[in-house]
mmCIF file of all heavy atoms, coordinates in Angstrom:
data_MODEL
# 
_entry.id   MODEL 
# 
loop_
_atom_site.group_PDB 
_atom_site.id 
_atom_site.type_symbol 
_atom_site.label_atom_id 
_atom_site.label_alt_id 
_atom_site.label_comp_id 
_atom_site.label_asym_id 
_atom_site.label_entity_id 
_atom_site.label_seq_id 
_atom_site.pdbx_PDB_ins_code 
_atom_site.Cartn_x 
_atom_site.Cartn_y 
_atom_site.Cartn_z 
_atom_site.occupancy 
_atom_site.B_iso_or_equiv 
_atom_site.pdbx_formal_charge 
_atom_site.auth_seq_id 
_atom_site.auth_comp_id 
_atom_site.auth_asym_id 
_atom_site.auth_atom_id 
_atom_site.pdbx_PDB_model_num 
ATOM 1   N N   . LEU A 1 1  ? -17.192 -27.150 -9.420  1.00 0.00 ? 1  LEU A N   1 
ATOM 2   C CA  . LEU A 1 1  ? -16.262 -26.345 -8.573  1.00 0.00 ? 1  LEU A CA  1 
ATOM 3   C C   . LEU A 1 1  ? -16.740 -24.978 -8.499  1.00 0.00 ? 1  LEU A C   1 
ATOM 4   O O   . LEU A 1 1  ? -17.232 -24.401 -9.517  1.00 0.00 ? 1  LEU A O   1 
ATOM 5   C CB  . LEU A 1 1  ? -14.810 -26.392 -9.155  1.00 0.00 ? 1  LEU A CB  1 
ATOM 6   C CG  . LEU A 1 1  ? -14.232 -27.811 -9.371  1.00 0.00 ? 1  LEU A CG  1 
ATOM 7   C CD1 . LEU A 1 1  ? -12.744 -27.622 -9.849  1.00 0.00 ? 1  LEU A CD1 1 
ATOM 8   C CD2 . LEU A 1 1  ? -14.243 -28.694 -8.161  1.00 0.00 ? 1  LEU A CD2 1 
ATOM 9   N N   . SER A 1 2  ? -16.596 -24.308 -7.377  1.00 0.00 ? 2  SER A N   1 
ATOM 10  C CA  . SER A 1 2  ? -16.932 -22.948 -7.253  1.00 0.00 ? 2  SER A CA  1 
ATOM 11  C C   . SER A 1 2  ? -15.675 -22.051 -6.823  1.00 0.00 ? 2  SER A C   1 
ATOM 12  O O   . SER A 1 2  ? -14.751 -22.596 -6.207  1.00 0.00 ? 2  SER A O   1 
ATOM 13  C CB  . SER A 1 2  ? -17.992 -22.767 -6.122  1.00 0.00 ? 2  SER A CB  1 
ATOM 14  O OG  . SER A 1 2  ? -19.178 -23.439 -6.433  1.00 0.00 ? 2  SER A OG  1 
ATOM 15  N N   . CYS A 1 3  ? -15.681 -20.787 -7.212  1.00 0.00 ? 3  CYS A N   1 
ATOM 16  C CA  . CYS A 1 3  ? -14.671 -19.923 -6.882  1.00 0.00 ? 3  CYS A CA  1 
ATOM 17  C C   . CYS A 1 3  ? -15.307 -18.709 -6.389  1.00 0.00 ? 3  CYS A C   1 
ATOM 18  O O   . CYS A 1 3  ? -15.947 -17.947 -7.104  1.00 0.00 ? 3  CYS A O   1 
ATOM 19  C CB  . CYS A 1 3  ? -13.792 -19.587 -8.098  1.00 0.00 ? 3  CYS A CB  1 
ATOM 20  S SG  . CYS A 1 3  ? -12.463 -18.364 -7.885  1.00 0.00 ? 3  CYS A SG  1 
ATOM 21  N N   . ALA A 1 4  ? -15.133 -18.471 -5.015  1.00 0.00 ? 4  ALA A N   1 
ATOM 22  C CA  . ALA A 1 4  ? -15.668 -17.267 -4.358  1.00 0.00 ? 4  ALA A CA  1 
ATOM 23  C C   . ALA A 1 4  ? -14.654 -16.177 -4.414  1.00 0.00 ? 4  ALA A C   1 
ATOM 24  O O   . ALA A 1 4  ? -13.471 -16.440 -4.024  1.00 0.00 ? 4  ALA A O   1 
ATOM 25  C CB  . ALA A 1 4  ? -16.036 -17.576 -2.963  1.00 0.00 ? 4  ALA A CB  1 
ATOM 26  N N   . THR A 1 5  ? -14.956 -14.974 -4.784  1.00 0.00 ? 5  THR A N   1 
ATOM 27  C CA  . THR A 1 5  ? -14.110 -13.817 -4.973  1.00 0.00 ? 5  THR A CA  1 
ATOM 28  C C   . THR A 1 5  ? -14.458 -12.792 -4.037  1.00 0.00 ? 5  THR A C   1 
ATOM 29  O O   . THR A 1 5  ? -15.623 -12.553 -3.648  1.00 0.00 ? 5  THR A O   1 
ATOM 30  C CB  . THR A 1 5  ? -13.994 -13.337 -6.334  1.00 0.00 ? 5  THR A CB  1 
ATOM 31  O OG1 . THR A 1 5  ? -15.171 -12.676 -6.647  1.00 0.00 ? 5  THR A OG1 1 
ATOM 32  C CG2 . THR A 1 5  ? -13.838 -14.484 -7.344  1.00 0.00 ? 5  THR A CG2 1 
ATOM 33  N N   . SER A 1 6  ? -13.443 -11.950 -3.640  1.00 0.00 ? 6  SER A N   1 
ATOM 34  C CA  . SER A 1 6  ? -13.623 -10.795 -2.797  1.00 0.00 ? 6  SER A CA  1 
ATOM 35  C C   . SER A 1 6  ? -12.573 -9.772  -3.106  1.00 0.00 ? 6  SER A C   1 
ATOM 36  O O   . SER A 1 6  ? -11.560 -10.049 -3.717  1.00 0.00 ? 6  SER A O   1 
ATOM 37  C CB  . SER A 1 6  ? -13.609 -11.130 -1.369  1.00 0.00 ? 6  SER A CB  1 
ATOM 38  O OG  . SER A 1 6  ? -12.399 -11.696 -0.995  1.00 0.00 ? 6  SER A OG  1 
ATOM 39  N N   . GLY A 1 7  ? -12.830 -8.576  -2.746  1.00 0.00 ? 7  GLY A N   1 
ATOM 40  C CA  . GLY A 1 7  ? -11.882 -7.472  -3.172  1.00 0.00 ? 7  GLY A CA  1 
ATOM 41  C C   . GLY A 1 7  ? -12.423 -6.603  -4.208  1.00 0.00 ? 7  GLY A C   1 
ATOM 42  O O   . GLY A 1 7  ? -13.534 -6.001  -4.109  1.00 0.00 ? 7  GLY A O   1 
ATOM 43  N N   . ARG A 1 8  ? -11.667 -6.434  -5.267  1.00 0.00 ? 8  ARG A N   1 
ATOM 44  C CA  . ARG A 1 8  ? -12.121 -5.635  -6.487  1.00 0.00 ? 8  ARG A CA  1 
ATOM 45  C C   . ARG A 1 8  ? -13.322 -6.396  -7.177  1.00 0.00 ? 8  ARG A C   1 
ATOM 46  O O   . ARG A 1 8  ? -13.486 -7.498  -7.070  1.00 0.00 ? 8  ARG A O   1 
ATOM 47  C CB  . ARG A 1 8  ? -11.008 -5.429  -7.419  1.00 0.00 ? 8  ARG A CB  1 
ATOM 48  C CG  . ARG A 1 8  ? -9.837  -4.600  -6.823  1.00 0.00 ? 8  ARG A CG  1 
ATOM 49  C CD  . ARG A 1 8  ? -10.244 -3.181  -6.571  1.00 0.00 ? 8  ARG A CD  1 
ATOM 50  N NE  . ARG A 1 8  ? -9.229  -2.441  -5.878  1.00 0.00 ? 8  ARG A NE  1 
ATOM 51  C CZ  . ARG A 1 8  ? -9.143  -2.274  -4.581  1.00 0.00 ? 8  ARG A CZ  1 
ATOM 52  N NH1 . ARG A 1 8  ? -9.985  -2.805  -3.799  1.00 0.00 ? 8  ARG A NH1 1 
ATOM 53  N NH2 . ARG A 1 8  ? -8.107  -1.559  -4.104  1.00 0.00 ? 8  ARG A NH2 1 
ATOM 54  N N   . THR A 1 9  ? -14.063 -5.542  -7.863  1.00 0.00 ? 9  THR A N   1 
ATOM 55  C CA  . THR A 1 9  ? -15.252 -6.039  -8.658  1.00 0.00 ? 9  THR A CA  1 
ATOM 56  C C   . THR A 1 9  ? -14.902 -7.150  -9.578  1.00 0.00 ? 9  THR A C   1 
ATOM 57  O O   . THR A 1 9  ? -14.003 -7.036  -10.379 1.00 0.00 ? 9  THR A O   1 
ATOM 58  C CB  . THR A 1 9  ? -15.893 -4.904  -9.327  1.00 0.00 ? 9  THR A CB  1 
ATOM 59  O OG1 . THR A 1 9  ? -16.176 -3.753  -8.445  1.00 0.00 ? 9  THR A OG1 1 
ATOM 60  C CG2 . THR A 1 9  ? -17.159 -5.339  -10.033 1.00 0.00 ? 9  THR A CG2 1 
ATOM 61  N N   . LEU A 1 10 ? -15.590 -8.249  -9.424  1.00 0.00 ? 10 LEU A N   1 
ATOM 62  C CA  . LEU A 1 10 ? -15.281 -9.450  -10.227 1.00 0.00 ? 10 LEU A CA  1 
ATOM 63  C C   . LEU A 1 10 ? -15.352 -9.155  -11.829 1.00 0.00 ? 10 LEU A C   1 
ATOM 64  O O   . LEU A 1 10 ? -14.638 -9.696  -12.536 1.00 0.00 ? 10 LEU A O   1 
ATOM 65  C CB  . LEU A 1 10 ? -16.239 -10.559 -9.900  1.00 0.00 ? 10 LEU A CB  1 
ATOM 66  C CG  . LEU A 1 10 ? -16.073 -11.859 -10.749 1.00 0.00 ? 10 LEU A CG  1 
ATOM 67  C CD1 . LEU A 1 10 ? -14.661 -12.385 -10.486 1.00 0.00 ? 10 LEU A CD1 1 
ATOM 68  C CD2 . LEU A 1 10 ? -17.096 -12.903 -10.237 1.00 0.00 ? 10 LEU A CD2 1 
ATOM 69  N N   . SER A 1 11 ? -16.296 -8.235  -12.173 1.00 0.00 ? 11 SER A N   1 
ATOM 70  C CA  . SER A 1 11 ? -16.451 -7.956  -13.569 1.00 0.00 ? 11 SER A CA  1 
ATOM 71  C C   . SER A 1 11 ? -15.246 -7.311  -14.221 1.00 0.00 ? 11 SER A C   1 
ATOM 72  O O   . SER A 1 11 ? -15.192 -7.296  -15.502 1.00 0.00 ? 11 SER A O   1 
ATOM 73  C CB  . SER A 1 11 ? -17.722 -7.074  -13.740 1.00 0.00 ? 11 SER A CB  1 
ATOM 74  O OG  . SER A 1 11 ? -17.592 -5.831  -13.132 1.00 0.00 ? 11 SER A OG  1 
ATOM 75  N N   . MET A 1 12 ? -14.324 -6.852  -13.533 1.00 0.00 ? 12 MET A N   1 
ATOM 76  C CA  . MET A 1 12 ? -13.157 -6.253  -14.010 1.00 0.00 ? 12 MET A CA  1 
ATOM 77  C C   . MET A 1 12 ? -12.122 -7.319  -14.564 1.00 0.00 ? 12 MET A C   1 
ATOM 78  O O   . MET A 1 12 ? -11.196 -6.949  -15.291 1.00 0.00 ? 12 MET A O   1 
ATOM 79  C CB  . MET A 1 12 ? -12.398 -5.408  -12.970 1.00 0.00 ? 12 MET A CB  1 
ATOM 80  C CG  . MET A 1 12 ? -13.274 -4.195  -12.437 1.00 0.00 ? 12 MET A CG  1 
ATOM 81  S SD  . MET A 1 12 ? -12.378 -3.413  -11.111 1.00 0.00 ? 12 MET A SD  1 
ATOM 82  C CE  . MET A 1 12 ? -10.810 -2.852  -11.948 1.00 0.00 ? 12 MET A CE  1 
ATOM 83  N N   . TYR A 1 13 ? -12.354 -8.602  -14.227 1.00 0.00 ? 13 TYR A N   1 
ATOM 84  C CA  . TYR A 1 13 ? -11.381 -9.583  -14.531 1.00 0.00 ? 13 TYR A CA  1 
ATOM 85  C C   . TYR A 1 13 ? -11.845 -10.679 -15.483 1.00 0.00 ? 13 TYR A C   1 
ATOM 86  O O   . TYR A 1 13 ? -13.080 -11.030 -15.466 1.00 0.00 ? 13 TYR A O   1 
ATOM 87  C CB  . TYR A 1 13 ? -10.905 -10.270 -13.234 1.00 0.00 ? 13 TYR A CB  1 
ATOM 88  C CG  . TYR A 1 13 ? -10.308 -9.385  -12.204 1.00 0.00 ? 13 TYR A CG  1 
ATOM 89  C CD1 . TYR A 1 13 ? -10.939 -8.822  -11.221 1.00 0.00 ? 13 TYR A CD1 1 
ATOM 90  C CD2 . TYR A 1 13 ? -8.897  -9.036  -12.373 1.00 0.00 ? 13 TYR A CD2 1 
ATOM 91  C CE1 . TYR A 1 13 ? -10.430 -7.981  -10.332 1.00 0.00 ? 13 TYR A CE1 1 
ATOM 92  C CE2 . TYR A 1 13 ? -8.308  -8.156  -11.515 1.00 0.00 ? 13 TYR A CE2 1 
ATOM 93  C CZ  . TYR A 1 13 ? -9.070  -7.598  -10.439 1.00 0.00 ? 13 TYR A CZ  1 
ATOM 94  O OH  . TYR A 1 13 ? -8.511  -6.725  -9.516  1.00 0.00 ? 13 TYR A OH  1 
ATOM 95  N N   . ALA A 1 14 ? -10.909 -11.206 -16.258 1.00 0.00 ? 14 ALA A N   1 
ATOM 96  C CA  . ALA A 1 14 ? -11.153 -12.436 -17.011 1.00 0.00 ? 14 ALA A CA  1 
ATOM 97  C C   . ALA A 1 14 ? -10.794 -13.526 -15.966 1.00 0.00 ? 14 ALA A C   1 
ATOM 98  O O   . ALA A 1 14 ? -9.869  -13.320 -15.133 1.00 0.00 ? 14 ALA A O   1 
ATOM 99  C CB  . ALA A 1 14 ? -10.258 -12.537 -18.281 1.00 0.00 ? 14 ALA A CB  1 
ATOM 100 N N   . MET A 1 15 ? -11.466 -14.695 -16.013 1.00 0.00 ? 15 MET A N   1 
ATOM 101 C CA  . MET A 1 15 ? -11.168 -15.760 -15.101 1.00 0.00 ? 15 MET A CA  1 
ATOM 102 C C   . MET A 1 15 ? -10.749 -17.006 -15.726 1.00 0.00 ? 15 MET A C   1 
ATOM 103 O O   . MET A 1 15 ? -11.453 -17.382 -16.801 1.00 0.00 ? 15 MET A O   1 
ATOM 104 C CB  . MET A 1 15 ? -12.387 -16.006 -14.273 1.00 0.00 ? 15 MET A CB  1 
ATOM 105 C CG  . MET A 1 15 ? -12.970 -14.806 -13.499 1.00 0.00 ? 15 MET A CG  1 
ATOM 106 S SD  . MET A 1 15 ? -11.765 -14.167 -12.182 1.00 0.00 ? 15 MET A SD  1 
ATOM 107 C CE  . MET A 1 15 ? -11.755 -15.531 -11.113 1.00 0.00 ? 15 MET A CE  1 
ATOM 108 N N   . GLY A 1 16 ? -9.756  -17.646 -15.184 1.00 0.00 ? 16 GLY A N   1 
ATOM 109 C CA  . GLY A 1 16 ? -9.354  -19.029 -15.764 1.00 0.00 ? 16 GLY A CA  1 
ATOM 110 C C   . GLY A 1 16 ? -9.392  -20.032 -14.742 1.00 0.00 ? 16 GLY A C   1 
ATOM 111 O O   . GLY A 1 16 ? -9.310  -19.738 -13.532 1.00 0.00 ? 16 GLY A O   1 
ATOM 112 N N   . TRP A 1 17 ? -9.540  -21.252 -15.248 1.00 0.00 ? 17 TRP A N   1 
ATOM 113 C CA  . TRP A 1 17 ? -9.440  -22.483 -14.414 1.00 0.00 ? 17 TRP A CA  1 
ATOM 114 C C   . TRP A 1 17 ? -8.142  -23.237 -14.864 1.00 0.00 ? 17 TRP A C   1 
ATOM 115 O O   . TRP A 1 17 ? -7.986  -23.422 -16.034 1.00 0.00 ? 17 TRP A O   1 
ATOM 116 C CB  . TRP A 1 17 ? -10.571 -23.354 -14.493 1.00 0.00 ? 17 TRP A CB  1 
ATOM 117 C CG  . TRP A 1 17 ? -11.741 -22.871 -13.716 1.00 0.00 ? 17 TRP A CG  1 
ATOM 118 C CD1 . TRP A 1 17 ? -12.821 -22.154 -14.194 1.00 0.00 ? 17 TRP A CD1 1 
ATOM 119 C CD2 . TRP A 1 17 ? -12.039 -23.113 -12.356 1.00 0.00 ? 17 TRP A CD2 1 
ATOM 120 N NE1 . TRP A 1 17 ? -13.772 -21.793 -13.251 1.00 0.00 ? 17 TRP A NE1 1 
ATOM 121 C CE2 . TRP A 1 17 ? -13.248 -22.403 -12.061 1.00 0.00 ? 17 TRP A CE2 1 
ATOM 122 C CE3 . TRP A 1 17 ? -11.351 -23.686 -11.275 1.00 0.00 ? 17 TRP A CE3 1 
ATOM 123 C CZ2 . TRP A 1 17 ? -13.816 -22.328 -10.762 1.00 0.00 ? 17 TRP A CZ2 1 
ATOM 124 C CZ3 . TRP A 1 17 ? -11.898 -23.710 -10.059 1.00 0.00 ? 17 TRP A CZ3 1 
ATOM 125 C CH2 . TRP A 1 17 ? -13.094 -23.058 -9.720  1.00 0.00 ? 17 TRP A CH2 1 
ATOM 126 N N   . ILE A 1 18 ? -7.192  -23.491 -13.999 1.00 0.00 ? 18 ILE A N   1 
ATOM 127 C CA  . ILE A 1 18 ? -5.945  -24.175 -14.243 1.00 0.00 ? 18 ILE A CA  1 
ATOM 128 C C   . ILE A 1 18 ? -5.793  -25.345 -13.349 1.00 0.00 ? 18 ILE A C   1 
ATOM 129 O O   . ILE A 1 18 ? -6.205  -25.298 -12.219 1.00 0.00 ? 18 ILE A O   1 
ATOM 130 C CB  . ILE A 1 18 ? -4.791  -23.163 -14.074 1.00 0.00 ? 18 ILE A CB  1 
ATOM 131 C CG1 . ILE A 1 18 ? -4.845  -22.021 -15.088 1.00 0.00 ? 18 ILE A CG1 1 
ATOM 132 C CG2 . ILE A 1 18 ? -3.465  -23.863 -14.203 1.00 0.00 ? 18 ILE A CG2 1 
ATOM 133 C CD1 . ILE A 1 18 ? -5.576  -20.735 -14.532 1.00 0.00 ? 18 ILE A CD1 1 
ATOM 134 N N   . ARG A 1 19 ? -5.271  -26.422 -13.836 1.00 0.00 ? 19 ARG A N   1 
ATOM 135 C CA  . ARG A 1 19 ? -5.141  -27.642 -13.039 1.00 0.00 ? 19 ARG A CA  1 
ATOM 136 C C   . ARG A 1 19 ? -3.698  -28.100 -13.027 1.00 0.00 ? 19 ARG A C   1 
ATOM 137 O O   . ARG A 1 19 ? -2.859  -27.827 -13.985 1.00 0.00 ? 19 ARG A O   1 
ATOM 138 C CB  . ARG A 1 19 ? -6.051  -28.778 -13.496 1.00 0.00 ? 19 ARG A CB  1 
ATOM 139 C CG  . ARG A 1 19 ? -5.709  -29.298 -14.857 1.00 0.00 ? 19 ARG A CG  1 
ATOM 140 C CD  . ARG A 1 19 ? -6.802  -30.344 -15.352 1.00 0.00 ? 19 ARG A CD  1 
ATOM 141 N NE  . ARG A 1 19 ? -6.535  -30.866 -16.621 1.00 0.00 ? 19 ARG A NE  1 
ATOM 142 C CZ  . ARG A 1 19 ? -7.436  -31.585 -17.264 1.00 0.00 ? 19 ARG A CZ  1 
ATOM 143 N NH1 . ARG A 1 19 ? -8.519  -31.905 -16.779 1.00 0.00 ? 19 ARG A NH1 1 
ATOM 144 N NH2 . ARG A 1 19 ? -7.004  -32.118 -18.463 1.00 0.00 ? 19 ARG A NH2 1 
ATOM 145 N N   . GLN A 1 20 ? -3.229  -28.848 -11.989 1.00 0.00 ? 20 GLN A N   1 
ATOM 146 C CA  . GLN A 1 20 ? -2.009  -29.356 -11.901 1.00 0.00 ? 20 GLN A CA  1 
ATOM 147 C C   . GLN A 1 20 ? -2.044  -30.800 -11.405 1.00 0.00 ? 20 GLN A C   1 
ATOM 148 O O   . GLN A 1 20 ? -2.488  -31.002 -10.121 1.00 0.00 ? 20 GLN A O   1 
ATOM 149 C CB  . GLN A 1 20 ? -1.066  -28.549 -11.003 1.00 0.00 ? 20 GLN A CB  1 
ATOM 150 C CG  . GLN A 1 20 ? 0.377   -29.028 -10.947 1.00 0.00 ? 20 GLN A CG  1 
ATOM 151 C CD  . GLN A 1 20 ? 1.243   -28.017 -10.282 1.00 0.00 ? 20 GLN A CD  1 
ATOM 152 O OE1 . GLN A 1 20 ? 0.879   -27.328 -9.336  1.00 0.00 ? 20 GLN A OE1 1 
ATOM 153 N NE2 . GLN A 1 20 ? 2.534   -27.935 -10.780 1.00 0.00 ? 20 GLN A NE2 1 
ATOM 154 N N   . ALA A 1 21 ? -1.695  -31.750 -12.158 1.00 0.00 ? 21 ALA A N   1 
ATOM 155 C CA  . ALA A 1 21 ? -1.601  -33.170 -11.696 1.00 0.00 ? 21 ALA A CA  1 
ATOM 156 C C   . ALA A 1 21 ? -0.234  -33.438 -11.041 1.00 0.00 ? 21 ALA A C   1 
ATOM 157 O O   . ALA A 1 21 ? 0.785   -32.736 -11.368 1.00 0.00 ? 21 ALA A O   1 
ATOM 158 C CB  . ALA A 1 21 ? -1.771  -34.083 -12.944 1.00 0.00 ? 21 ALA A CB  1 
ATOM 159 N N   . PRO A 1 22 ? -0.098  -34.452 -10.276 1.00 0.00 ? 22 PRO A N   1 
ATOM 160 C CA  . PRO A 1 22 ? 1.159   -34.754 -9.587  1.00 0.00 ? 22 PRO A CA  1 
ATOM 161 C C   . PRO A 1 22 ? 2.328   -34.921 -10.586 1.00 0.00 ? 22 PRO A C   1 
ATOM 162 O O   . PRO A 1 22 ? 2.130   -35.672 -11.556 1.00 0.00 ? 22 PRO A O   1 
ATOM 163 C CB  . PRO A 1 22 ? 0.834   -36.029 -8.766  1.00 0.00 ? 22 PRO A CB  1 
ATOM 164 C CG  . PRO A 1 22 ? -0.581  -36.000 -8.561  1.00 0.00 ? 22 PRO A CG  1 
ATOM 165 C CD  . PRO A 1 22 ? -1.173  -35.311 -9.742  1.00 0.00 ? 22 PRO A CD  1 
ATOM 166 N N   . GLY A 1 23 ? 3.446   -34.233 -10.324 1.00 0.00 ? 23 GLY A N   1 
ATOM 167 C CA  . GLY A 1 23 ? 4.569   -34.419 -11.228 1.00 0.00 ? 23 GLY A CA  1 
ATOM 168 C C   . GLY A 1 23 ? 4.523   -33.665 -12.563 1.00 0.00 ? 23 GLY A C   1 
ATOM 169 O O   . GLY A 1 23 ? 5.418   -33.767 -13.365 1.00 0.00 ? 23 GLY A O   1 
ATOM 170 N N   . LYS A 1 24 ? 3.473   -32.951 -12.836 1.00 0.00 ? 24 LYS A N   1 
ATOM 171 C CA  . LYS A 1 24 ? 3.296   -32.226 -14.034 1.00 0.00 ? 24 LYS A CA  1 
ATOM 172 C C   . LYS A 1 24 ? 3.236   -30.757 -13.806 1.00 0.00 ? 24 LYS A C   1 
ATOM 173 O O   . LYS A 1 24 ? 2.864   -30.205 -12.622 1.00 0.00 ? 24 LYS A O   1 
ATOM 174 C CB  . LYS A 1 24 ? 1.973   -32.676 -14.768 1.00 0.00 ? 24 LYS A CB  1 
ATOM 175 C CG  . LYS A 1 24 ? 2.051   -34.115 -15.246 1.00 0.00 ? 24 LYS A CG  1 
ATOM 176 C CD  . LYS A 1 24 ? 0.867   -34.416 -16.047 1.00 0.00 ? 24 LYS A CD  1 
ATOM 177 C CE  . LYS A 1 24 ? 0.926   -35.846 -16.561 1.00 0.00 ? 24 LYS A CE  1 
ATOM 178 N NZ  . LYS A 1 24 ? -0.314  -36.181 -17.480 1.00 0.00 ? 24 LYS A NZ  1 
ATOM 179 N N   . GLU A 1 25 ? 3.406   -29.983 -14.849 1.00 0.00 ? 25 GLU A N   1 
ATOM 180 C CA  . GLU A 1 25 ? 3.291   -28.456 -14.814 1.00 0.00 ? 25 GLU A CA  1 
ATOM 181 C C   . GLU A 1 25 ? 1.772   -28.068 -14.800 1.00 0.00 ? 25 GLU A C   1 
ATOM 182 O O   . GLU A 1 25 ? 0.909   -28.869 -15.151 1.00 0.00 ? 25 GLU A O   1 
ATOM 183 C CB  . GLU A 1 25 ? 3.912   -27.856 -15.977 1.00 0.00 ? 25 GLU A CB  1 
ATOM 184 C CG  . GLU A 1 25 ? 5.462   -28.006 -16.058 1.00 0.00 ? 25 GLU A CG  1 
ATOM 185 C CD  . GLU A 1 25 ? 6.140   -27.275 -17.107 1.00 0.00 ? 25 GLU A CD  1 
ATOM 186 O OE1 . GLU A 1 25 ? 5.430   -26.852 -18.012 1.00 0.00 ? 25 GLU A OE1 1 
ATOM 187 O OE2 . GLU A 1 25 ? 7.350   -27.115 -17.108 1.00 0.00 ? 25 GLU A OE2 1 
# 
C-alpha cells in the first residue's frame, strides 16, 4: 500500500496505518 501526502512537510509527522474490518472498530 502507498500513501501519497501533500501540504505540510512529511518529515514533520509520525505516520500510522490503521485498518477497519466490517462491523469492527
